[in-house]
Amino acid sequence: MPLYMLNQLEVQYLHDYAGIRTRIGLTANPIVNFSGVLGSNVIALGTDVSFDTKTGEFTKCNGLSFSNADLIASLTLVSDHKTGWDVSFSFLLLFLHSF
């Protein structure tokens, strides 16, 4: 169940092969989030970026996500103000074997 917050504005646009979403907090120092995806049922590429207007820094930058029928992969950069950027890469590869 989604969590709806009254102190933010969200705009979405969906198309057959693309979708974008922008969300901004309605506070004095909002965090701005942008995400988008482009693709079809065969292959898709997407990204997710968050920007903290108080610090003037990106707090999350999902550099690239890729998916198709056999593979889902994601490269994520997350900012920790004390240690810098954490980088993570994840993937799921499906093996279908028939005897």
Protein backbone atom coordinates (compact mmCIF):
# COMPACT_ATOMS: atom_id res chain seq x y z
CA MET A 1 0.00 0.00 0.00
CA PRO A 2 1.55 3.33 -0.96
CA LEU A 3 2.27 5.95 1.66
CA TYR A 4 0.67 9.23 0.70
CA MET A 5 2.24 12.33 2.19
CA LEU A 6 0.43 15.66 2.19
CA ASN A 7 3.62 17.72 2.17
CA GLN A 8 4.78 16.81 -1.34
CA LEU A 9 3.82 17.33 -4.95
CA GLU A 10 4.15 14.50 -7.44
CA VAL A 11 3.75 14.61 -11.22
CA GLN A 12 3.69 11.48 -13.38
CA TYR A 13 3.59 10.94 -17.12
CA LEU A 14 3.06 7.48 -18.57
CA HIS A 15 3.29 6.44 -22.20
CA ASP A 16 3.41 3.03 -23.87
CA TYR A 17 7.23 3.09 -24.01
CA ALA A 18 8.21 5.74 -21.44
CA GLY A 19 7.36 6.99 -18.00
CA ILE A 20 8.65 9.79 -15.77
CA ARG A 21 7.91 10.83 -12.22
CA THR A 22 8.99 13.95 -10.37
CA ARG A 23 8.34 14.47 -6.70
CA ILE A 24 9.19 17.56 -4.63
CA GLY A 25 8.63 18.15 -0.96
CA LEU A 26 6.59 21.21 -0.02
CA THR A 27 8.95 22.28 2.76
CA ALA A 28 11.52 25.04 3.18
CA ASN A 29 14.36 22.77 1.98
CA PRO A 30 12.74 20.09 -0.16
CA ILE A 31 14.26 16.95 -1.58
CA VAL A 32 13.58 16.67 -5.32
CA ASN A 33 13.27 13.21 -6.82
CA PHE A 34 13.21 12.35 -10.52
CA SER A 35 12.83 8.91 -12.02
CA GLY A 36 12.28 7.75 -15.55
CA VAL A 37 12.19 4.63 -17.66
CA LEU A 38 12.26 4.02 -21.38
CA GLY A 39 11.67 0.68 -23.04
CA SER A 40 9.31 -2.06 -24.06
CA ASN A 41 8.44 -5.58 -22.93
CA VAL A 42 11.77 -6.78 -24.41
CA ILE A 43 14.23 -4.29 -22.86
CA ALA A 44 14.01 -1.30 -20.52
CA LEU A 45 16.44 1.32 -19.17
CA GLY A 46 15.76 3.62 -16.26
CA THR A 47 17.21 5.96 -13.66
CA ASP A 48 16.34 7.49 -10.28
CA VAL A 49 17.94 10.68 -8.90
CA SER A 50 17.35 12.55 -5.61
CA PHE A 51 18.65 16.05 -4.89
CA ASP A 52 18.71 17.68 -1.45
CA THR A 53 18.17 21.43 -1.86
CA LYS A 54 19.33 22.13 1.70
CA THR A 55 22.83 20.73 1.16
CA GLY A 56 22.93 21.24 -2.61
CA GLU A 57 24.00 17.64 -3.13
CA PHE A 58 22.68 14.56 -4.85
CA THR A 59 21.66 12.03 -2.21
CA LYS A 60 20.87 9.17 -4.57
CA CYS A 61 21.81 8.58 -8.16
CA ASN A 62 20.72 5.29 -9.61
CA GLY A 63 23.07 5.55 -12.55
CA LEU A 64 21.50 2.88 -14.69
CA SER A 65 18.98 0.11 -14.52
CA PHE A 66 18.60 -2.47 -17.26
CA SER A 67 16.10 -5.25 -17.65
CA ASN A 68 15.01 -7.78 -20.22
CA ALA A 69 13.52 -11.28 -20.10
CA ASP A 70 16.72 -12.91 -18.75
CA LEU A 71 18.56 -10.19 -16.82
CA ILE A 72 17.83 -7.37 -14.39
CA ALA A 73 20.81 -5.19 -13.43
CA SER A 74 21.23 -1.94 -11.49
CA LEU A 75 24.11 0.35 -10.62
CA THR A 76 23.33 2.59 -7.63
CA LEU A 77 25.25 5.47 -6.06
CA VAL A 78 24.09 6.58 -2.60
CA SER A 79 25.56 9.61 -0.82
CA ASP A 80 26.49 9.36 2.83
CA HIS A 81 27.52 12.82 4.05
CA LYS A 82 30.10 11.32 6.42
CA THR A 83 31.86 8.77 4.21
CA GLY A 84 31.07 9.95 0.66
CA TRP A 85 29.44 7.84 -2.02
CA ASP A 86 28.58 4.17 -1.69
CA VAL A 87 28.43 2.21 -4.94
CA SER A 88 26.41 -0.94 -5.33
CA PHE A 89 25.76 -3.18 -8.30
CA SER A 90 23.11 -5.84 -8.32
CA PHE A 91 21.83 -8.23 -10.91
CA LEU A 92 19.47 -11.14 -11.32
CA LEU A 93 20.15 -13.58 -14.13
CA LEU A 94 17.58 -16.22 -14.98
CA PHE A 95 18.73 -19.60 -16.21
CA LEU A 96 16.09 -21.65 -17.95
CA HIS A 97 17.20 -25.21 -18.58
CA SER A 98 15.05 -27.90 -20.11
CA PHE A 99 15.94 -31.56 -20.22
